[in-house]
PDB file of N, CA and C in Angstrom:
ATOM      1  N   UNK A   1     -33.935 -11.890  26.117  1.00  0.00           N
ATOM      2  CA  UNK A   1     -32.734 -12.420  25.489  1.00  0.00           C
ATOM      3  C   UNK A   1     -31.575 -12.252  26.454  1.00  0.00           C
ATOM      4  N   UNK A   2     -30.889 -13.306  26.728  1.00  0.00           N
ATOM      5  CA  UNK A   2     -29.802 -13.281  27.678  1.00  0.00           C
ATOM      6  C   UNK A   2     -28.461 -13.367  26.955  1.00  0.00           C
ATOM      7  N   UNK A   3     -27.502 -12.519  27.377  1.00  0.00           N
ATOM      8  CA  UNK A   3     -26.176 -12.516  26.768  1.00  0.00           C
ATOM      9  C   UNK A   3     -25.177 -13.267  27.630  1.00  0.00           C
ATOM     10  N   UNK A   4     -25.626 -14.125  28.486  1.00  0.00           N
ATOM     11  CA  UNK A   4     -24.725 -14.903  29.312  1.00  0.00           C
ATOM     12  C   UNK A   4     -24.562 -16.288  28.710  1.00  0.00           C
ATOM     13  N   UNK A   5     -23.453 -16.898  28.968  1.00  0.00           N
ATOM     14  CA  UNK A   5     -23.232 -18.248  28.473  1.00  0.00           C
ATOM     15  C   UNK A   5     -22.066 -18.303  27.510  1.00  0.00           C
ATOM     16  N   UNK A   6     -21.931 -19.426  26.856  1.00  0.00           N
ATOM     17  CA  UNK A   6     -20.770 -19.675  25.993  1.00  0.00           C
ATOM     18  C   UNK A   6     -20.817 -18.887  24.691  1.00  0.00           C
ATOM     19  N   UNK A   7     -22.000 -18.543  24.222  1.00  0.00           N
ATOM     20  CA  UNK A   7     -22.121 -17.917  22.902  1.00  0.00           C
ATOM     21  C   UNK A   7     -22.479 -16.439  22.980  1.00  0.00           C
ATOM     22  N   UNK A   8     -21.978 -15.778  23.993  1.00  0.00           N
ATOM     23  CA  UNK A   8     -22.264 -14.346  24.095  1.00  0.00           C
ATOM     24  C   UNK A   8     -21.381 -13.584  23.099  1.00  0.00           C
ATOM     25  N   UNK A   9     -21.866 -12.468  22.553  1.00  0.00           N
ATOM     26  CA  UNK A   9     -21.076 -11.729  21.573  1.00  0.00           C
ATOM     27  C   UNK A   9     -19.872 -11.048  22.223  1.00  0.00           C
ATOM     28  N   UNK A  10     -18.830 -10.868  21.440  1.00  0.00           N
ATOM     29  CA  UNK A  10     -17.623 -10.226  21.947  1.00  0.00           C
ATOM     30  C   UNK A  10     -17.835  -8.726  22.040  1.00  0.00           C
ATOM     31  N   UNK A  11     -16.854  -8.038  22.642  1.00  0.00           N
ATOM     32  CA  UNK A  11     -16.951  -6.591  22.783  1.00  0.00           C
ATOM     33  C   UNK A  11     -16.974  -5.917  21.420  1.00  0.00           C
ATOM     34  N   UNK A  12     -16.234  -6.458  20.460  1.00  0.00           N
ATOM     35  CA  UNK A  12     -16.231  -5.846  19.132  1.00  0.00           C
ATOM     36  C   UNK A  12     -17.585  -6.032  18.442  1.00  0.00           C
ATOM     37  N   UNK A  13     -18.267  -7.134  18.719  1.00  0.00           N
ATOM     38  CA  UNK A  13     -19.591  -7.335  18.138  1.00  0.00           C
ATOM     39  C   UNK A  13     -20.593  -6.365  18.752  1.00  0.00           C
ATOM     40  N   UNK A  14     -20.424  -6.037  20.023  1.00  0.00           N
ATOM     41  CA  UNK A  14     -21.302  -5.060  20.658  1.00  0.00           C
ATOM     42  C   UNK A  14     -21.080  -3.667  20.095  1.00  0.00           C
ATOM     43  N   UNK A  15     -19.814  -3.312  19.869  1.00  0.00           N
ATOM     44  CA  UNK A  15     -19.518  -1.940  19.450  1.00  0.00           C
ATOM     45  C   UNK A  15     -19.666  -1.751  17.951  1.00  0.00           C
ATOM     46  N   UNK A  16     -19.724  -2.808  17.184  1.00  0.00           N
ATOM     47  CA  UNK A  16     -19.938  -2.695  15.760  1.00  0.00           C
ATOM     48  C   UNK A  16     -18.660  -2.560  14.959  1.00  0.00           C
ATOM     49  N   UNK A  17     -17.548  -3.107  15.414  1.00  0.00           N
ATOM     50  CA  UNK A  17     -16.313  -3.062  14.655  1.00  0.00           C
ATOM     51  C   UNK A  17     -16.460  -3.967  13.430  1.00  0.00           C
ATOM     52  N   UNK A  18     -16.354  -3.375  12.235  1.00  0.00           N
ATOM     53  CA  UNK A  18     -16.546  -4.149  11.024  1.00  0.00           C
ATOM     54  C   UNK A  18     -15.239  -4.659  10.451  1.00  0.00           C
ATOM     55  N   UNK A  19     -14.227  -3.799  10.383  1.00  0.00           N
ATOM     56  CA  UNK A  19     -12.982  -4.170   9.728  1.00  0.00           C
ATOM     57  C   UNK A  19     -11.882  -4.284  10.763  1.00  0.00           C
ATOM     58  N   UNK A  20     -11.307  -5.446  10.863  1.00  0.00           N
ATOM     59  CA  UNK A  20     -10.210  -5.651  11.808  1.00  0.00           C
ATOM     60  C   UNK A  20      -8.908  -5.356  11.070  1.00  0.00           C
ATOM     61  N   UNK A  21      -8.531  -4.112  11.028  1.00  0.00           N
ATOM     62  CA  UNK A  21      -7.352  -3.659  10.301  1.00  0.00           C
ATOM     63  C   UNK A  21      -6.265  -3.336  11.309  1.00  0.00           C
ATOM     64  N   UNK A  22      -5.127  -4.020  11.269  1.00  0.00           N
ATOM     65  CA  UNK A  22      -4.085  -3.748  12.255  1.00  0.00           C
ATOM     66  C   UNK A  22      -3.511  -2.355  12.075  1.00  0.00           C
ATOM     67  N   UNK A  23      -3.031  -1.761  13.131  1.00  0.00           N
ATOM     68  CA  UNK A  23      -2.531  -0.388  13.056  1.00  0.00           C
ATOM     69  C   UNK A  23      -1.121  -0.346  12.495  1.00  0.00           C
ATOM     70  N   UNK A  24      -0.456  -1.490  12.400  1.00  0.00           N
ATOM     71  CA  UNK A  24       0.897  -1.540  11.869  1.00  0.00           C
ATOM     72  C   UNK A  24       0.988  -2.722  10.897  1.00  0.00           C
ATOM     73  N   UNK A  25       1.796  -2.559   9.857  1.00  0.00           N
ATOM     74  CA  UNK A  25       1.960  -3.634   8.879  1.00  0.00           C
ATOM     75  C   UNK A  25       2.893  -4.702   9.419  1.00  0.00           C
ATOM     76  N   UNK A  26       2.563  -5.942   9.152  1.00  0.00           N
ATOM     77  CA  UNK A  26       3.424  -7.046   9.580  1.00  0.00           C
ATOM     78  C   UNK A  26       4.630  -7.152   8.646  1.00  0.00           C
ATOM     79  N   UNK A  27       5.630  -7.888   9.069  1.00  0.00           N
ATOM     80  CA  UNK A  27       6.841  -8.052   8.265  1.00  0.00           C
ATOM     81  C   UNK A  27       6.541  -8.787   6.965  1.00  0.00           C
ATOM     82  N   UNK A  28       5.644  -9.767   6.999  1.00  0.00           N
ATOM     83  CA  UNK A  28       5.310 -10.487   5.776  1.00  0.00           C
ATOM     84  C   UNK A  28       4.532  -9.608   4.805  1.00  0.00           C
ATOM     85  N   UNK A  29       3.703  -8.745   5.332  1.00  0.00           N
ATOM     86  CA  UNK A  29       2.953  -7.840   4.466  1.00  0.00           C
ATOM     87  C   UNK A  29       3.879  -6.816   3.811  1.00  0.00           C
ATOM     88  N   UNK A  30       4.867  -6.347   4.571  1.00  0.00           N
ATOM     89  CA  UNK A  30       5.866  -5.445   3.996  1.00  0.00           C
ATOM     90  C   UNK A  30       6.680  -6.152   2.923  1.00  0.00           C
ATOM     91  N   UNK A  31       7.010  -7.412   3.145  1.00  0.00           N
ATOM     92  CA  UNK A  31       7.765  -8.171   2.154  1.00  0.00           C
ATOM     93  C   UNK A  31       6.961  -8.338   0.871  1.00  0.00           C
ATOM     94  N   UNK A  32       5.654  -8.542   1.004  1.00  0.00           N
ATOM     95  CA  UNK A  32       4.809  -8.651  -0.181  1.00  0.00           C
ATOM     96  C   UNK A  32       4.740  -7.336  -0.943  1.00  0.00           C
ATOM     97  N   UNK A  33       4.719  -6.211  -0.233  1.00  0.00           N
ATOM     98  CA  UNK A  33       4.727  -4.896  -0.893  1.00  0.00           C
ATOM     99  C   UNK A  33       6.020  -4.720  -1.667  1.00  0.00           C
ATOM    100  N   UNK A  34       7.151  -5.071  -1.051  1.00  0.00           N
ATOM    101  CA  UNK A  34       8.433  -4.949  -1.742  1.00  0.00           C
ATOM    102  C   UNK A  34       8.494  -5.867  -2.962  1.00  0.00           C
ATOM    103  N   UNK A  35       7.992  -7.082  -2.827  1.00  0.00           N
ATOM    104  CA  UNK A  35       7.999  -8.014  -3.957  1.00  0.00           C
ATOM    105  C   UNK A  35       7.111  -7.499  -5.080  1.00  0.00           C
ATOM    106  N   UNK A  36       5.974  -6.916  -4.745  1.00  0.00           N
ATOM    107  CA  UNK A  36       5.080  -6.363  -5.755  1.00  0.00           C
ATOM    108  C   UNK A  36       5.744  -5.208  -6.496  1.00  0.00           C
ATOM    109  N   UNK A  37       6.475  -4.365  -5.780  1.00  0.00           N
ATOM    110  CA  UNK A  37       7.202  -3.264  -6.419  1.00  0.00           C
ATOM    111  C   UNK A  37       8.288  -3.808  -7.350  1.00  0.00           C
ATOM    112  N   UNK A  38       9.000  -4.838  -6.909  1.00  0.00           N
ATOM    113  CA  UNK A  38      10.037  -5.430  -7.754  1.00  0.00           C
ATOM    114  C   UNK A  38       9.438  -6.084  -8.998  1.00  0.00           C
ATOM    115  N   UNK A  39       8.267  -6.724  -8.852  1.00  0.00           N
ATOM    116  CA  UNK A  39       7.602  -7.328 -10.005  1.00  0.00           C
ATOM    117  C   UNK A  39       7.233  -6.272 -11.042  1.00  0.00           C
ATOM    118  N   UNK A  40       6.749  -5.144 -10.582  1.00  0.00           N
ATOM    119  CA  UNK A  40       6.414  -4.050 -11.499  1.00  0.00           C
ATOM    120  C   UNK A  40       7.672  -3.531 -12.180  1.00  0.00           C
ATOM    121  N   UNK A  41       8.772  -3.444 -11.434  1.00  0.00           N
ATOM    122  CA  UNK A  41      10.038  -3.002 -12.025  1.00  0.00           C
ATOM    123  C   UNK A  41      10.495  -3.939 -13.138  1.00  0.00           C
ATOM    124  N   UNK A  42      10.352  -5.241 -12.936  1.00  0.00           N
ATOM    125  CA  UNK A  42      10.773  -6.184 -13.975  1.00  0.00           C
ATOM    126  C   UNK A  42       9.885  -6.096 -15.210  1.00  0.00           C
ATOM    127  N   UNK A  43       8.592  -5.850 -15.009  1.00  0.00           N
ATOM    128  CA  UNK A  43       7.693  -5.696 -16.158  1.00  0.00           C
ATOM    129  C   UNK A  43       8.063  -4.447 -16.953  1.00  0.00           C
ATOM    130  N   UNK A  44       8.352  -3.357 -16.263  1.00  0.00           N
ATOM    131  CA  UNK A  44       8.738  -2.118 -16.948  1.00  0.00           C
ATOM    132  C   UNK A  44      10.037  -2.325 -17.717  1.00  0.00           C
ATOM    133  N   UNK A  45      11.004  -3.008 -17.104  1.00  0.00           N
ATOM    134  CA  UNK A  45      12.270  -3.273 -17.797  1.00  0.00           C
ATOM    135  C   UNK A  45      12.074  -4.184 -19.013  1.00  0.00           C
ATOM    136  N   UNK A  46      11.214  -5.173 -18.884  1.00  0.00           N
ATOM    137  CA  UNK A  46      10.954  -6.080 -20.004  1.00  0.00           C
ATOM    138  C   UNK A  46      10.318  -5.342 -21.173  1.00  0.00           C
ATOM    139  N   UNK A  47       9.350  -4.497 -20.883  1.00  0.00           N
ATOM    140  CA  UNK A  47       8.691  -3.734 -21.948  1.00  0.00           C
ATOM    141  C   UNK A  47       9.666  -2.737 -22.564  1.00  0.00           C
ATOM    142  N   UNK A  48      10.507  -2.141 -21.731  1.00  0.00           N
ATOM    143  CA  UNK A  48      11.475  -1.163 -22.232  1.00  0.00           C
ATOM    144  C   UNK A  48      12.462  -1.819 -23.194  1.00  0.00           C
ATOM    145  N   UNK A  49      12.928  -3.032 -22.866  1.00  0.00           N
ATOM    146  CA  UNK A  49      13.897  -3.707 -23.739  1.00  0.00           C
ATOM    147  C   UNK A  49      13.250  -4.281 -24.989  1.00  0.00           C
ATOM    148  N   UNK A  50      11.925  -4.473 -24.981  1.00  0.00           N
ATOM    149  CA  UNK A  50      11.260  -5.028 -26.162  1.00  0.00           C
ATOM    150  C   UNK A  50      11.131  -4.009 -27.286  1.00  0.00           C
ATOM    151  N   UNK A  51      11.278  -2.729 -26.981  1.00  0.00           N
ATOM    152  CA  UNK A  51      11.215  -1.708 -28.014  1.00  0.00           C
ATOM    153  C   UNK A  51       9.859  -1.045 -28.153  1.00  0.00           C
ATOM    154  N   UNK A  52       8.908  -1.383 -27.326  1.00  0.00           N
ATOM    155  CA  UNK A  52       7.591  -0.757 -27.381  1.00  0.00           C
ATOM    156  C   UNK A  52       7.703   0.677 -26.871  1.00  0.00           C
ATOM    157  N   UNK A  53       7.016   1.597 -27.532  1.00  0.00           N
ATOM    158  CA  UNK A  53       7.029   3.000 -27.109  1.00  0.00           C
ATOM    159  C   UNK A  53       5.607   3.476 -26.907  1.00  0.00           C
ATOM    160  N   UNK A  54       5.354   4.076 -25.737  1.00  0.00           N
ATOM    161  CA  UNK A  54       4.065   4.691 -25.460  1.00  0.00           C
ATOM    162  C   UNK A  54       4.253   5.715 -24.334  1.00  0.00           C
ATOM    163  N   UNK A  55       3.262   6.542 -24.154  1.00  0.00           N
ATOM    164  CA  UNK A  55       3.378   7.606 -23.164  1.00  0.00           C
ATOM    165  C   UNK A  55       3.416   7.059 -21.745  1.00  0.00           C
ATOM    166  N   UNK A  56       2.660   6.002 -21.493  1.00  0.00           N
ATOM    167  CA  UNK A  56       2.646   5.408 -20.153  1.00  0.00           C
ATOM    168  C   UNK A  56       4.012   4.844 -19.786  1.00  0.00           C
ATOM    169  N   UNK A  57       4.713   4.277 -20.780  1.00  0.00           N
ATOM    170  CA  UNK A  57       6.045   3.741 -20.518  1.00  0.00           C
ATOM    171  C   UNK A  57       7.033   4.862 -20.245  1.00  0.00           C
ATOM    172  N   UNK A  58       6.881   5.983 -20.935  1.00  0.00           N
ATOM    173  CA  UNK A  58       7.761   7.135 -20.678  1.00  0.00           C
ATOM    174  C   UNK A  58       7.559   7.651 -19.252  1.00  0.00           C
ATOM    175  N   UNK A  59       6.326   7.658 -18.790  1.00  0.00           N
ATOM    176  CA  UNK A  59       6.059   8.076 -17.405  1.00  0.00           C
ATOM    177  C   UNK A  59       6.603   7.055 -16.411  1.00  0.00           C
ATOM    178  N   UNK A  60       6.505   5.768 -16.763  1.00  0.00           N
ATOM    179  CA  UNK A  60       6.977   4.710 -15.867  1.00  0.00           C
ATOM    180  C   UNK A  60       8.494   4.720 -15.753  1.00  0.00           C
ATOM    181  N   UNK A  61       9.200   5.183 -16.791  1.00  0.00           N
ATOM    182  CA  UNK A  61      10.654   5.245 -16.737  1.00  0.00           C
ATOM    183  C   UNK A  61      11.131   6.253 -15.702  1.00  0.00           C
ATOM    184  N   UNK A  62      10.317   7.263 -15.431  1.00  0.00           N
ATOM    185  CA  UNK A  62      10.704   8.308 -14.491  1.00  0.00           C
ATOM    186  C   UNK A  62      10.454   7.912 -13.040  1.00  0.00           C
ATOM    187  N   UNK A  63       9.693   6.846 -12.821  1.00  0.00           N
ATOM    188  CA  UNK A  63       9.410   6.403 -11.451  1.00  0.00           C
ATOM    189  C   UNK A  63      10.661   5.778 -10.842  1.00  0.00           C
ATOM    190  N   UNK A  64      10.866   5.940  -9.534  1.00  0.00           N
ATOM    191  CA  UNK A  64      12.011   5.282  -8.892  1.00  0.00           C
ATOM    192  C   UNK A  64      11.766   3.779  -8.774  1.00  0.00           C
ATOM    193  N   UNK A  65      12.835   3.004  -8.807  1.00  0.00           N
ATOM    194  CA  UNK A  65      12.703   1.565  -8.623  1.00  0.00           C
ATOM    195  C   UNK A  65      12.569   1.260  -7.135  1.00  0.00           C
ATOM    196  N   UNK A  66      12.284   0.009  -6.838  1.00  0.00           N
ATOM    197  CA  UNK A  66      12.079  -0.378  -5.432  1.00  0.00           C
ATOM    198  C   UNK A  66      13.341  -0.160  -4.615  1.00  0.00           C
ATOM    199  N   UNK A  67      14.500  -0.421  -5.198  1.00  0.00           N
ATOM    200  CA  UNK A  67      15.748  -0.257  -4.454  1.00  0.00           C
ATOM    201  C   UNK A  67      16.102   1.213  -4.234  1.00  0.00           C
ATOM    202  N   UNK A  68      15.596   2.101  -5.077  1.00  0.00           N
ATOM    203  CA  UNK A  68      15.864   3.535  -4.947  1.00  0.00           C
ATOM    204  C   UNK A  68      14.910   4.229  -3.980  1.00  0.00           C
ATOM    205  N   UNK A  69      13.817   3.573  -3.643  1.00  0.00           N
ATOM    206  CA  UNK A  69      12.805   4.211  -2.800  1.00  0.00           C
ATOM    207  C   UNK A  69      13.210   4.169  -1.329  1.00  0.00           C
ATOM    208  N   UNK A  70      12.851   5.222  -0.620  1.00  0.00           N
ATOM    209  CA  UNK A  70      13.040   5.290   0.822  1.00  0.00           C
ATOM    210  C   UNK A  70      11.960   4.411   1.473  1.00  0.00           C
ATOM    211  N   UNK A  71      12.260   3.737   2.585  1.00  0.00           N
ATOM    212  CA  UNK A  71      11.228   2.900   3.224  1.00  0.00           C
ATOM    213  C   UNK A  71       9.962   3.668   3.581  1.00  0.00           C
ATOM    214  N   UNK A  72      10.102   4.929   3.902  1.00  0.00           N
ATOM    215  CA  UNK A  72       8.926   5.736   4.224  1.00  0.00           C
ATOM    216  C   UNK A  72       7.997   5.826   3.017  1.00  0.00           C
ATOM    217  N   UNK A  73       8.579   5.860   1.813  1.00  0.00           N
ATOM    218  CA  UNK A  73       7.756   5.953   0.614  1.00  0.00           C
ATOM    219  C   UNK A  73       7.207   4.604   0.183  1.00  0.00           C
ATOM    220  N   UNK A  74       7.857   3.508   0.581  1.00  0.00           N
ATOM    221  CA  UNK A  74       7.361   2.183   0.223  1.00  0.00           C
ATOM    222  C   UNK A  74       6.102   1.834   0.999  1.00  0.00           C
ATOM    223  N   UNK A  75       6.078   2.194   2.262  1.00  0.00           N
ATOM    224  CA  UNK A  75       5.001   1.723   3.136  1.00  0.00           C
ATOM    225  C   UNK A  75       4.013   2.807   3.540  1.00  0.00           C
ATOM    226  N   UNK A  76       4.245   4.060   3.131  1.00  0.00           N
ATOM    227  CA  UNK A  76       3.332   5.135   3.481  1.00  0.00           C
ATOM    228  C   UNK A  76       3.039   5.977   2.245  1.00  0.00           C
ATOM    229  N   UNK A  77       1.859   6.577   2.218  1.00  0.00           N
ATOM    230  CA  UNK A  77       1.458   7.421   1.102  1.00  0.00           C
ATOM    231  C   UNK A  77       1.010   8.771   1.627  1.00  0.00           C
ATOM    232  N   UNK A  78       0.956   9.738   0.746  1.00  0.00           N
ATOM    233  CA  UNK A  78       0.477  11.061   1.121  1.00  0.00           C
ATOM    234  C   UNK A  78      -1.024  11.004   1.369  1.00  0.00           C
ATOM    235  N   UNK A  79      -1.437  11.627   2.454  1.00  0.00           N
ATOM    236  CA  UNK A  79      -2.855  11.735   2.766  1.00  0.00           C
ATOM    237  C   UNK A  79      -3.084  13.083   3.435  1.00  0.00           C
ATOM    238  N   UNK A  80      -3.928  13.934   2.877  1.00  0.00           N
ATOM    239  CA  UNK A  80      -4.159  15.235   3.502  1.00  0.00           C
ATOM    240  C   UNK A  80      -4.832  15.137   4.866  1.00  0.00           C
ATOM    241  N   UNK A  81      -5.428  13.980   5.163  1.00  0.00           N
ATOM    242  CA  UNK A  81      -6.148  13.820   6.425  1.00  0.00           C
ATOM    243  C   UNK A  81      -5.348  13.074   7.483  1.00  0.00           C
ATOM    244  N   UNK A  82      -4.230  12.468   7.107  1.00  0.00           N
ATOM    245  CA  UNK A  82      -3.447  11.686   8.048  1.00  0.00           C
ATOM    246  C   UNK A  82      -2.535  12.555   8.899  1.00  0.00           C
ATOM    247  N   UNK A  83      -2.038  11.977   9.971  1.00  0.00           N
ATOM    248  CA  UNK A  83      -1.087  12.688  10.823  1.00  0.00           C
ATOM    249  C   UNK A  83       0.207  12.898  10.050  1.00  0.00           C
ATOM    250  N   UNK A  84       0.743  14.086  10.098  1.00  0.00           N
ATOM    251  CA  UNK A  84       1.938  14.461   9.342  1.00  0.00           C
ATOM    252  C   UNK A  84       1.756  14.220   7.844  1.00  0.00           C
ATOM    253  N   UNK A  85       0.526  14.241   7.377  1.00  0.00           N
ATOM    254  CA  UNK A  85       0.170  14.088   5.968  1.00  0.00           C
ATOM    255  C   UNK A  85       0.603  12.746   5.391  1.00  0.00           C
ATOM    256  N   UNK A  86       0.738  11.733   6.224  1.00  0.00           N
ATOM    257  CA  UNK A  86       1.098  10.408   5.747  1.00  0.00           C
ATOM    258  C   UNK A  86       0.115   9.387   6.309  1.00  0.00           C
ATOM    259  N   UNK A  87      -0.057   8.311   5.553  1.00  0.00           N
ATOM    260  CA  UNK A  87      -0.966   7.256   5.950  1.00  0.00           C
ATOM    261  C   UNK A  87      -0.330   5.930   5.550  1.00  0.00           C
ATOM    262  N   UNK A  88      -0.464   4.938   6.394  1.00  0.00           N
ATOM    263  CA  UNK A  88       0.116   3.641   6.092  1.00  0.00           C
ATOM    264  C   UNK A  88      -0.553   3.047   4.860  1.00  0.00           C
ATOM    265  N   UNK A  89       0.224   2.387   4.033  1.00  0.00           N
ATOM    266  CA  UNK A  89      -0.268   1.941   2.740  1.00  0.00           C
ATOM    267  C   UNK A  89      -1.382   0.905   2.878  1.00  0.00           C
ATOM    268  N   UNK A  90      -1.403   0.138   3.950  1.00  0.00           N
ATOM    269  CA  UNK A  90      -2.456  -0.868   4.106  1.00  0.00           C
ATOM    270  C   UNK A  90      -3.772  -0.264   4.548  1.00  0.00           C
ATOM    271  N   UNK A  91      -3.800   1.010   4.894  1.00  0.00           N
ATOM    272  CA  UNK A  91      -5.047   1.692   5.235  1.00  0.00           C
ATOM    273  C   UNK A  91      -5.720   2.305   4.011  1.00  0.00           C
ATOM    274  N   UNK A  92      -5.016   2.303   2.870  1.00  0.00           N
ATOM    275  CA  UNK A  92      -5.543   2.892   1.636  1.00  0.00           C
ATOM    276  C   UNK A  92      -6.312   1.821   0.880  1.00  0.00           C
ATOM    277  N   UNK A  93      -7.553   2.107   0.446  1.00  0.00           N
ATOM    278  CA  UNK A  93      -8.282   1.087  -0.293  1.00  0.00           C
ATOM    279  C   UNK A  93      -7.649   0.827  -1.655  1.00  0.00           C
ATOM    280  N   UNK A  94      -7.520  -0.431  -2.006  1.00  0.00           N
ATOM    281  CA  UNK A  94      -6.997  -0.871  -3.301  1.00  0.00           C
ATOM    282  C   UNK A  94      -5.600  -0.323  -3.564  1.00  0.00           C
ATOM    283  N   UNK A  95      -4.723  -0.375  -2.565  1.00  0.00           N
ATOM    284  CA  UNK A  95      -3.388   0.187  -2.738  1.00  0.00           C
ATOM    285  C   UNK A  95      -2.550  -0.621  -3.707  1.00  0.00           C
ATOM    286  N   UNK A  96      -2.933  -1.852  -4.014  1.00  0.00           N
ATOM    287  CA  UNK A  96      -2.148  -2.638  -4.963  1.00  0.00           C
ATOM    288  C   UNK A  96      -2.401  -2.198  -6.401  1.00  0.00           C
ATOM    289  N   UNK A  97      -3.468  -1.461  -6.641  1.00  0.00           N
ATOM    290  CA  UNK A  97      -3.804  -1.057  -8.002  1.00  0.00           C
ATOM    291  C   UNK A  97      -3.335   0.358  -8.318  1.00  0.00           C
ATOM    292  N   UNK A  98      -2.835   1.078  -7.330  1.00  0.00           N
ATOM    293  CA  UNK A  98      -2.450   2.468  -7.537  1.00  0.00           C
ATOM    294  C   UNK A  98      -0.940   2.599  -7.631  1.00  0.00           C
ATOM    295  N   UNK A  99      -0.492   3.657  -8.295  1.00  0.00           N
ATOM    296  CA  UNK A  99       0.930   3.964  -8.332  1.00  0.00           C
ATOM    297  C   UNK A  99       1.225   4.855  -7.140  1.00  0.00           C
ATOM    298  N   UNK A 100       1.863   4.293  -6.130  1.00  0.00           N
ATOM    299  CA  UNK A 100       2.116   5.021  -4.893  1.00  0.00           C
ATOM    300  C   UNK A 100       3.580   5.419  -4.775  1.00  0.00           C
ATOM    301  N   UNK A 101       4.310   5.375  -5.878  1.00  0.00           N
ATOM    302  CA  UNK A 101       5.722   5.664  -5.812  1.00  0.00           C
ATOM    303  C   UNK A 101       6.017   7.152  -5.794  1.00  0.00           C
ATOM    304  N   UNK A 102       5.074   7.970  -6.187  1.00  0.00           N
ATOM    305  CA  UNK A 102       5.300   9.406  -6.292  1.00  0.00           C
ATOM    306  C   UNK A 102       4.377  10.126  -5.316  1.00  0.00           C
ATOM    307  N   UNK A 103       4.944  10.915  -4.439  1.00  0.00           N
ATOM    308  CA  UNK A 103       4.189  11.735  -3.512  1.00  0.00           C
ATOM    309  C   UNK A 103       4.333  13.192  -3.923  1.00  0.00           C
ATOM    310  N   UNK A 104       3.491  14.089  -3.411  1.00  0.00           N
ATOM    311  CA  UNK A 104       3.677  15.504  -3.720  1.00  0.00           C
ATOM    312  C   UNK A 104       5.042  16.001  -3.248  1.00  0.00           C
ATOM    313  N   UNK A 105       5.514  17.034  -3.867  1.00  0.00           N
ATOM    314  CA  UNK A 105       6.827  17.566  -3.539  1.00  0.00           C
ATOM    315  C   UNK A 105       6.871  17.991  -2.062  1.00  0.00           C
ATOM    316  N   UNK A 106       7.928  17.616  -1.384  1.00  0.00           N
ATOM    317  CA  UNK A 106       8.087  17.976   0.016  1.00  0.00           C
ATOM    318  C   UNK A 106       7.620  16.910   0.993  1.00  0.00           C
ATOM    319  N   UNK A 107       7.003  15.850   0.528  1.00  0.00           N
ATOM    320  CA  UNK A 107       6.518  14.798   1.402  1.00  0.00           C
ATOM    321  C   UNK A 107       7.226  13.535   1.062  1.00  0.00           C
TER     322      UNK A 107
END
């Protein structure tokens, strides 16, 4: 089997790189994260004004809004294995389904 010619595999195919995950978030991806946070804020406000009461809503009222959050908290989450105990939000699996607004105290 010869690996010469037009259809030879790339270096990533040789080394077995499966997920092409960039090391830094793009500006459009950050904008989508901010928009997603704002969408959640509007849903919480809508439910709050409708008069519905539940324990989850009481917990959601204590969360900071997107405008109150520091950029470090918008795009990074606590990770005991990451450098400086932080990890970029796009490296976390299913980060759109988790509440990442609250980190442990001191981080």
